[in-house]
């Protein structure tokens, strides 16, 4: 589970940086329609990956807390 969380965290961080770079290109007017579409799709993927990462992290933290108190 730790390996999956580390992988998801890494992928989420890469997607966040990609979103930032593409957003700056769009804002500076250097974006083609294809880049705008890629920005939308990678943003959607980033949200899904981040939510899965957050959900698994919370599950792991909560399950670890229950085991220690028993």
PDB file of N, CA and C in Angstrom:
ATOM      1  N   UNK A   1       0.823  -1.186   0.000  1.00  0.00           N
ATOM      2  CA  UNK A   1       0.000   0.000   0.000  1.00  0.00           C
ATOM      3  C   UNK A   1       0.872   1.256   0.000  1.00  0.00           C
ATOM      4  N   UNK A   2       2.003   1.198   0.719  1.00  0.00           N
ATOM      5  CA  UNK A   2       2.899   2.344   0.776  1.00  0.00           C
ATOM      6  C   UNK A   2       3.454   2.679  -0.611  1.00  0.00           C
ATOM      7  N   UNK A   3       3.779   1.648  -1.378  1.00  0.00           N
ATOM      8  CA  UNK A   3       4.320   1.860  -2.721  1.00  0.00           C
ATOM      9  C   UNK A   3       3.283   2.508  -3.625  1.00  0.00           C
ATOM     10  N   UNK A   4       2.044   2.066  -3.508  1.00  0.00           N
ATOM     11  CA  UNK A   4       0.970   2.658  -4.324  1.00  0.00           C
ATOM     12  C   UNK A   4       0.783   4.119  -3.963  1.00  0.00           C
ATOM     13  N   UNK A   5       0.804   4.433  -2.673  1.00  0.00           N
ATOM     14  CA  UNK A   5       0.650   5.813  -2.240  1.00  0.00           C
ATOM     15  C   UNK A   5       1.799   6.690  -2.722  1.00  0.00           C
ATOM     16  N   UNK A   6       3.006   6.173  -2.665  1.00  0.00           N
ATOM     17  CA  UNK A   6       4.152   6.944  -3.147  1.00  0.00           C
ATOM     18  C   UNK A   6       4.051   7.184  -4.646  1.00  0.00           C
ATOM     19  N   UNK A   7       3.647   6.162  -5.386  1.00  0.00           N
ATOM     20  CA  UNK A   7       3.485   6.307  -6.832  1.00  0.00           C
ATOM     21  C   UNK A   7       2.388   7.314  -7.166  1.00  0.00           C
ATOM     22  N   UNK A   8       1.248   7.216  -6.491  1.00  0.00           N
ATOM     23  CA  UNK A   8       0.162   8.166  -6.727  1.00  0.00           C
ATOM     24  C   UNK A   8       0.573   9.586  -6.359  1.00  0.00           C
ATOM     25  N   UNK A   9       1.303   9.752  -5.278  1.00  0.00           N
ATOM     26  CA  UNK A   9       1.791  11.075  -4.884  1.00  0.00           C
ATOM     27  C   UNK A   9       2.728  11.659  -5.917  1.00  0.00           C
ATOM     28  N   UNK A  10       3.611  10.839  -6.455  1.00  0.00           N
ATOM     29  CA  UNK A  10       4.535  11.302  -7.491  1.00  0.00           C
ATOM     30  C   UNK A  10       3.783  11.693  -8.760  1.00  0.00           C
ATOM     31  N   UNK A  11       2.851  10.852  -9.189  1.00  0.00           N
ATOM     32  CA  UNK A  11       2.074  11.147 -10.402  1.00  0.00           C
ATOM     33  C   UNK A  11       1.256  12.422 -10.210  1.00  0.00           C
ATOM     34  N   UNK A  12       0.654  12.582  -9.031  1.00  0.00           N
ATOM     35  CA  UNK A  12      -0.129  13.787  -8.754  1.00  0.00           C
ATOM     36  C   UNK A  12       0.747  15.032  -8.806  1.00  0.00           C
ATOM     37  N   UNK A  13       1.943  14.953  -8.257  1.00  0.00           N
ATOM     38  CA  UNK A  13       2.828  16.123  -8.269  1.00  0.00           C
ATOM     39  C   UNK A  13       3.283  16.463  -9.685  1.00  0.00           C
ATOM     40  N   UNK A  14       3.556  15.462 -10.499  1.00  0.00           N
ATOM     41  CA  UNK A  14       3.931  15.720 -11.892  1.00  0.00           C
ATOM     42  C   UNK A  14       2.767  16.355 -12.651  1.00  0.00           C
ATOM     43  N   UNK A  15       1.565  15.850 -12.434  1.00  0.00           N
ATOM     44  CA  UNK A  15       0.401  16.412 -13.114  1.00  0.00           C
ATOM     45  C   UNK A  15       0.130  17.849 -12.680  1.00  0.00           C
ATOM     46  N   UNK A  16       0.374  18.171 -11.433  1.00  0.00           N
ATOM     47  CA  UNK A  16       0.189  19.546 -10.957  1.00  0.00           C
ATOM     48  C   UNK A  16       1.166  20.478 -11.656  1.00  0.00           C
ATOM     49  N   UNK A  17       2.415  20.068 -11.792  1.00  0.00           N
ATOM     50  CA  UNK A  17       3.413  20.896 -12.476  1.00  0.00           C
ATOM     51  C   UNK A  17       3.050  21.055 -13.954  1.00  0.00           C
ATOM     52  N   UNK A  18       2.593  19.986 -14.588  1.00  0.00           N
ATOM     53  CA  UNK A  18       2.185  20.051 -15.992  1.00  0.00           C
ATOM     54  C   UNK A  18       1.025  21.028 -16.153  1.00  0.00           C
ATOM     55  N   UNK A  19       0.062  20.974 -15.237  1.00  0.00           N
ATOM     56  CA  UNK A  19      -1.073  21.903 -15.281  1.00  0.00           C
ATOM     57  C   UNK A  19      -0.592  23.342 -15.169  1.00  0.00           C
ATOM     58  N   UNK A  20       0.353  23.589 -14.286  1.00  0.00           N
ATOM     59  CA  UNK A  20       0.889  24.933 -14.103  1.00  0.00           C
ATOM     60  C   UNK A  20       1.551  25.438 -15.379  1.00  0.00           C
ATOM     61  N   UNK A  21       2.381  24.618 -15.986  1.00  0.00           N
ATOM     62  CA  UNK A  21       3.091  25.025 -17.201  1.00  0.00           C
ATOM     63  C   UNK A  21       2.107  25.272 -18.346  1.00  0.00           C
ATOM     64  N   UNK A  22       1.167  24.360 -18.534  1.00  0.00           N
ATOM     65  CA  UNK A  22       0.193  24.554 -19.609  1.00  0.00           C
ATOM     66  C   UNK A  22      -0.683  25.775 -19.345  1.00  0.00           C
ATOM     67  N   UNK A  23      -1.048  26.011 -18.103  1.00  0.00           N
ATOM     68  CA  UNK A  23      -1.835  27.189 -17.763  1.00  0.00           C
ATOM     69  C   UNK A  23      -1.090  28.469 -18.065  1.00  0.00           C
ATOM     70  N   UNK A  24       0.209  28.487 -17.777  1.00  0.00           N
ATOM     71  CA  UNK A  24       1.014  29.674 -18.099  1.00  0.00           C
ATOM     72  C   UNK A  24       1.120  29.888 -19.610  1.00  0.00           C
ATOM     73  N   UNK A  25       1.271  28.809 -20.359  1.00  0.00           N
ATOM     74  CA  UNK A  25       1.325  28.938 -21.823  1.00  0.00           C
ATOM     75  C   UNK A  25       0.005  29.473 -22.371  1.00  0.00           C
ATOM     76  N   UNK A  26      -1.092  28.997 -21.824  1.00  0.00           N
ATOM     77  CA  UNK A  26      -2.407  29.469 -22.277  1.00  0.00           C
ATOM     78  C   UNK A  26      -2.576  30.945 -21.912  1.00  0.00           C
ATOM     79  N   UNK A  27      -2.178  31.300 -20.728  1.00  0.00           N
ATOM     80  CA  UNK A  27      -2.327  32.689 -20.271  1.00  0.00           C
ATOM     81  C   UNK A  27      -1.474  33.646 -21.092  1.00  0.00           C
ATOM     82  N   UNK A  28      -0.303  33.209 -21.514  1.00  0.00           N
ATOM     83  CA  UNK A  28       0.589  34.060 -22.311  1.00  0.00           C
ATOM     84  C   UNK A  28       0.198  34.096 -23.783  1.00  0.00           C
ATOM     85  N   UNK A  29      -0.835  33.377 -24.151  1.00  0.00           N
ATOM     86  CA  UNK A  29      -1.302  33.397 -25.533  1.00  0.00           C
ATOM     87  C   UNK A  29      -0.528  32.495 -26.472  1.00  0.00           C
ATOM     88  N   UNK A  30       0.233  31.570 -25.945  1.00  0.00           N
ATOM     89  CA  UNK A  30       1.042  30.676 -26.773  1.00  0.00           C
ATOM     90  C   UNK A  30       0.409  29.292 -26.879  1.00  0.00           C
ATOM     91  N   UNK A  31      -0.922  29.231 -26.825  1.00  0.00           N
ATOM     92  CA  UNK A  31      -1.586  27.934 -26.779  1.00  0.00           C
ATOM     93  C   UNK A  31      -2.411  27.694 -28.031  1.00  0.00           C
ATOM     94  N   UNK A  32      -2.276  26.513 -28.558  1.00  0.00           N
ATOM     95  CA  UNK A  32      -3.115  26.081 -29.670  1.00  0.00           C
ATOM     96  C   UNK A  32      -4.395  25.465 -29.082  1.00  0.00           C
ATOM     97  N   UNK A  33      -5.407  25.265 -29.910  1.00  0.00           N
ATOM     98  CA  UNK A  33      -6.611  24.586 -29.404  1.00  0.00           C
ATOM     99  C   UNK A  33      -6.308  23.190 -28.847  1.00  0.00           C
ATOM    100  N   UNK A  34      -5.324  22.522 -29.416  1.00  0.00           N
ATOM    101  CA  UNK A  34      -4.957  21.188 -28.916  1.00  0.00           C
ATOM    102  C   UNK A  34      -4.382  21.275 -27.500  1.00  0.00           C
ATOM    103  N   UNK A  35      -3.604  22.321 -27.232  1.00  0.00           N
ATOM    104  CA  UNK A  35      -3.040  22.491 -25.893  1.00  0.00           C
ATOM    105  C   UNK A  35      -4.141  22.802 -24.890  1.00  0.00           C
ATOM    106  N   UNK A  36      -5.132  23.561 -25.303  1.00  0.00           N
ATOM    107  CA  UNK A  36      -6.255  23.854 -24.415  1.00  0.00           C
ATOM    108  C   UNK A  36      -7.019  22.574 -24.070  1.00  0.00           C
ATOM    109  N   UNK A  37      -7.210  21.711 -25.042  1.00  0.00           N
ATOM    110  CA  UNK A  37      -7.893  20.434 -24.794  1.00  0.00           C
ATOM    111  C   UNK A  37      -7.042  19.544 -23.881  1.00  0.00           C
ATOM    112  N   UNK A  38      -5.733  19.513 -24.123  1.00  0.00           N
ATOM    113  CA  UNK A  38      -4.845  18.716 -23.281  1.00  0.00           C
ATOM    114  C   UNK A  38      -4.849  19.236 -21.847  1.00  0.00           C
ATOM    115  N   UNK A  39      -4.926  20.555 -21.709  1.00  0.00           N
ATOM    116  CA  UNK A  39      -4.974  21.160 -20.387  1.00  0.00           C
ATOM    117  C   UNK A  39      -6.228  20.708 -19.639  1.00  0.00           C
ATOM    118  N   UNK A  40      -7.342  20.666 -20.319  1.00  0.00           N
ATOM    119  CA  UNK A  40      -8.598  20.222 -19.702  1.00  0.00           C
ATOM    120  C   UNK A  40      -8.515  18.749 -19.300  1.00  0.00           C
ATOM    121  N   UNK A  41      -8.032  17.909 -20.208  1.00  0.00           N
ATOM    122  CA  UNK A  41      -7.997  16.472 -19.927  1.00  0.00           C
ATOM    123  C   UNK A  41      -6.977  16.125 -18.846  1.00  0.00           C
ATOM    124  N   UNK A  42      -5.816  16.760 -18.878  1.00  0.00           N
ATOM    125  CA  UNK A  42      -4.834  16.467 -17.833  1.00  0.00           C
ATOM    126  C   UNK A  42      -5.292  17.037 -16.490  1.00  0.00           C
ATOM    127  N   UNK A  43      -6.067  18.111 -16.519  1.00  0.00           N
ATOM    128  CA  UNK A  43      -6.627  18.648 -15.276  1.00  0.00           C
ATOM    129  C   UNK A  43      -7.622  17.685 -14.660  1.00  0.00           C
ATOM    130  N   UNK A  44      -8.452  17.088 -15.502  1.00  0.00           N
ATOM    131  CA  UNK A  44      -9.406  16.094 -15.020  1.00  0.00           C
ATOM    132  C   UNK A  44      -8.672  14.889 -14.438  1.00  0.00           C
ATOM    133  N   UNK A  45      -7.650  14.418 -15.127  1.00  0.00           N
ATOM    134  CA  UNK A  45      -6.855  13.295 -14.634  1.00  0.00           C
ATOM    135  C   UNK A  45      -6.167  13.653 -13.319  1.00  0.00           C
ATOM    136  N   UNK A  46      -5.660  14.881 -13.216  1.00  0.00           N
ATOM    137  CA  UNK A  46      -4.995  15.318 -12.003  1.00  0.00           C
ATOM    138  C   UNK A  46      -5.954  15.271 -10.817  1.00  0.00           C
ATOM    139  N   UNK A  47      -7.183  15.728 -11.019  1.00  0.00           N
ATOM    140  CA  UNK A  47      -8.167  15.716  -9.936  1.00  0.00           C
ATOM    141  C   UNK A  47      -8.469  14.281  -9.500  1.00  0.00           C
ATOM    142  N   UNK A  48      -8.641  13.378 -10.448  1.00  0.00           N
ATOM    143  CA  UNK A  48      -8.943  11.984 -10.113  1.00  0.00           C
ATOM    144  C   UNK A  48      -7.782  11.351  -9.340  1.00  0.00           C
ATOM    145  N   UNK A  49      -6.558  11.551  -9.820  1.00  0.00           N
ATOM    146  CA  UNK A  49      -5.387  10.970  -9.155  1.00  0.00           C
ATOM    147  C   UNK A  49      -5.226  11.554  -7.755  1.00  0.00           C
ATOM    148  N   UNK A  50      -5.400  12.860  -7.624  1.00  0.00           N
ATOM    149  CA  UNK A  50      -5.250  13.496  -6.314  1.00  0.00           C
ATOM    150  C   UNK A  50      -6.318  13.004  -5.338  1.00  0.00           C
ATOM    151  N   UNK A  51      -7.555  12.852  -5.794  1.00  0.00           N
ATOM    152  CA  UNK A  51      -8.608  12.369  -4.908  1.00  0.00           C
ATOM    153  C   UNK A  51      -8.385  10.919  -4.483  1.00  0.00           C
ATOM    154  N   UNK A  52      -7.913  10.088  -5.397  1.00  0.00           N
ATOM    155  CA  UNK A  52      -7.596   8.695  -5.027  1.00  0.00           C
ATOM    156  C   UNK A  52      -6.456   8.671  -4.020  1.00  0.00           C
ATOM    157  N   UNK A  53      -5.436   9.495  -4.248  1.00  0.00           N
ATOM    158  CA  UNK A  53      -4.303   9.587  -3.329  1.00  0.00           C
ATOM    159  C   UNK A  53      -4.758  10.034  -1.940  1.00  0.00           C
ATOM    160  N   UNK A  54      -5.589  11.059  -1.890  1.00  0.00           N
ATOM    161  CA  UNK A  54      -6.088  11.565  -0.611  1.00  0.00           C
ATOM    162  C   UNK A  54      -6.944  10.499   0.082  1.00  0.00           C
ATOM    163  N   UNK A  55      -7.823   9.854  -0.676  1.00  0.00           N
ATOM    164  CA  UNK A  55      -8.679   8.826  -0.095  1.00  0.00           C
ATOM    165  C   UNK A  55      -7.891   7.663   0.478  1.00  0.00           C
ATOM    166  N   UNK A  56      -6.919   7.164  -0.274  1.00  0.00           N
ATOM    167  CA  UNK A  56      -6.097   6.051   0.223  1.00  0.00           C
ATOM    168  C   UNK A  56      -5.250   6.466   1.420  1.00  0.00           C
ATOM    169  N   UNK A  57      -4.729   7.685   1.384  1.00  0.00           N
ATOM    170  CA  UNK A  57      -3.928   8.170   2.513  1.00  0.00           C
ATOM    171  C   UNK A  57      -4.769   8.251   3.780  1.00  0.00           C
ATOM    172  N   UNK A  58      -5.965   8.807   3.645  1.00  0.00           N
ATOM    173  CA  UNK A  58      -6.843   8.900   4.812  1.00  0.00           C
ATOM    174  C   UNK A  58      -7.234   7.517   5.324  1.00  0.00           C
ATOM    175  N   UNK A  59      -7.524   6.601   4.411  1.00  0.00           N
ATOM    176  CA  UNK A  59      -7.861   5.238   4.818  1.00  0.00           C
ATOM    177  C   UNK A  59      -6.702   4.603   5.585  1.00  0.00           C
ATOM    178  N   UNK A  60      -5.493   4.775   5.069  1.00  0.00           N
ATOM    179  CA  UNK A  60      -4.324   4.200   5.714  1.00  0.00           C
ATOM    180  C   UNK A  60      -4.102   4.819   7.092  1.00  0.00           C
ATOM    181  N   UNK A  61      -4.241   6.125   7.196  1.00  0.00           N
ATOM    182  CA  UNK A  61      -4.053   6.788   8.482  1.00  0.00           C
ATOM    183  C   UNK A  61      -5.124   6.381   9.492  1.00  0.00           C
ATOM    184  N   UNK A  62      -6.364   6.301   9.045  1.00  0.00           N
ATOM    185  CA  UNK A  62      -7.440   5.933   9.960  1.00  0.00           C
ATOM    186  C   UNK A  62      -7.347   4.476  10.385  1.00  0.00           C
ATOM    187  N   UNK A  63      -6.975   3.589   9.469  1.00  0.00           N
ATOM    188  CA  UNK A  63      -6.862   2.177   9.840  1.00  0.00           C
ATOM    189  C   UNK A  63      -5.672   1.952  10.764  1.00  0.00           C
ATOM    190  N   UNK A  64      -4.615   2.704  10.586  1.00  0.00           N
ATOM    191  CA  UNK A  64      -3.449   2.589  11.465  1.00  0.00           C
ATOM    192  C   UNK A  64      -3.803   3.072  12.867  1.00  0.00           C
ATOM    193  N   UNK A  65      -4.592   4.137  12.967  1.00  0.00           N
ATOM    194  CA  UNK A  65      -4.997   4.668  14.258  1.00  0.00           C
ATOM    195  C   UNK A  65      -5.881   3.696  15.013  1.00  0.00           C
ATOM    196  N   UNK A  66      -6.745   2.991  14.330  1.00  0.00           N
ATOM    197  CA  UNK A  66      -7.626   2.007  14.979  1.00  0.00           C
ATOM    198  C   UNK A  66      -6.843   0.823  15.518  1.00  0.00           C
ATOM    199  N   UNK A  67      -5.831   0.396  14.780  1.00  0.00           N
ATOM    200  CA  UNK A  67      -5.034  -0.755  15.219  1.00  0.00           C
ATOM    201  C   UNK A  67      -4.247  -0.436  16.475  1.00  0.00           C
ATOM    202  N   UNK A  68      -3.737   0.787  16.613  1.00  0.00           N
ATOM    203  CA  UNK A  68      -2.916   1.148  17.771  1.00  0.00           C
ATOM    204  C   UNK A  68      -3.759   1.317  19.023  1.00  0.00           C
ATOM    205  N   UNK A  69      -5.020   1.747  18.908  1.00  0.00           N
ATOM    206  CA  UNK A  69      -5.831   1.970  20.094  1.00  0.00           C
ATOM    207  C   UNK A  69      -6.438   0.678  20.630  1.00  0.00           C
ATOM    208  N   UNK A  70      -6.483  -0.369  19.861  1.00  0.00           N
ATOM    209  CA  UNK A  70      -7.105  -1.639  20.312  1.00  0.00           C
ATOM    210  C   UNK A  70      -6.190  -2.408  21.222  1.00  0.00           C
TER     211      UNK A  70
END
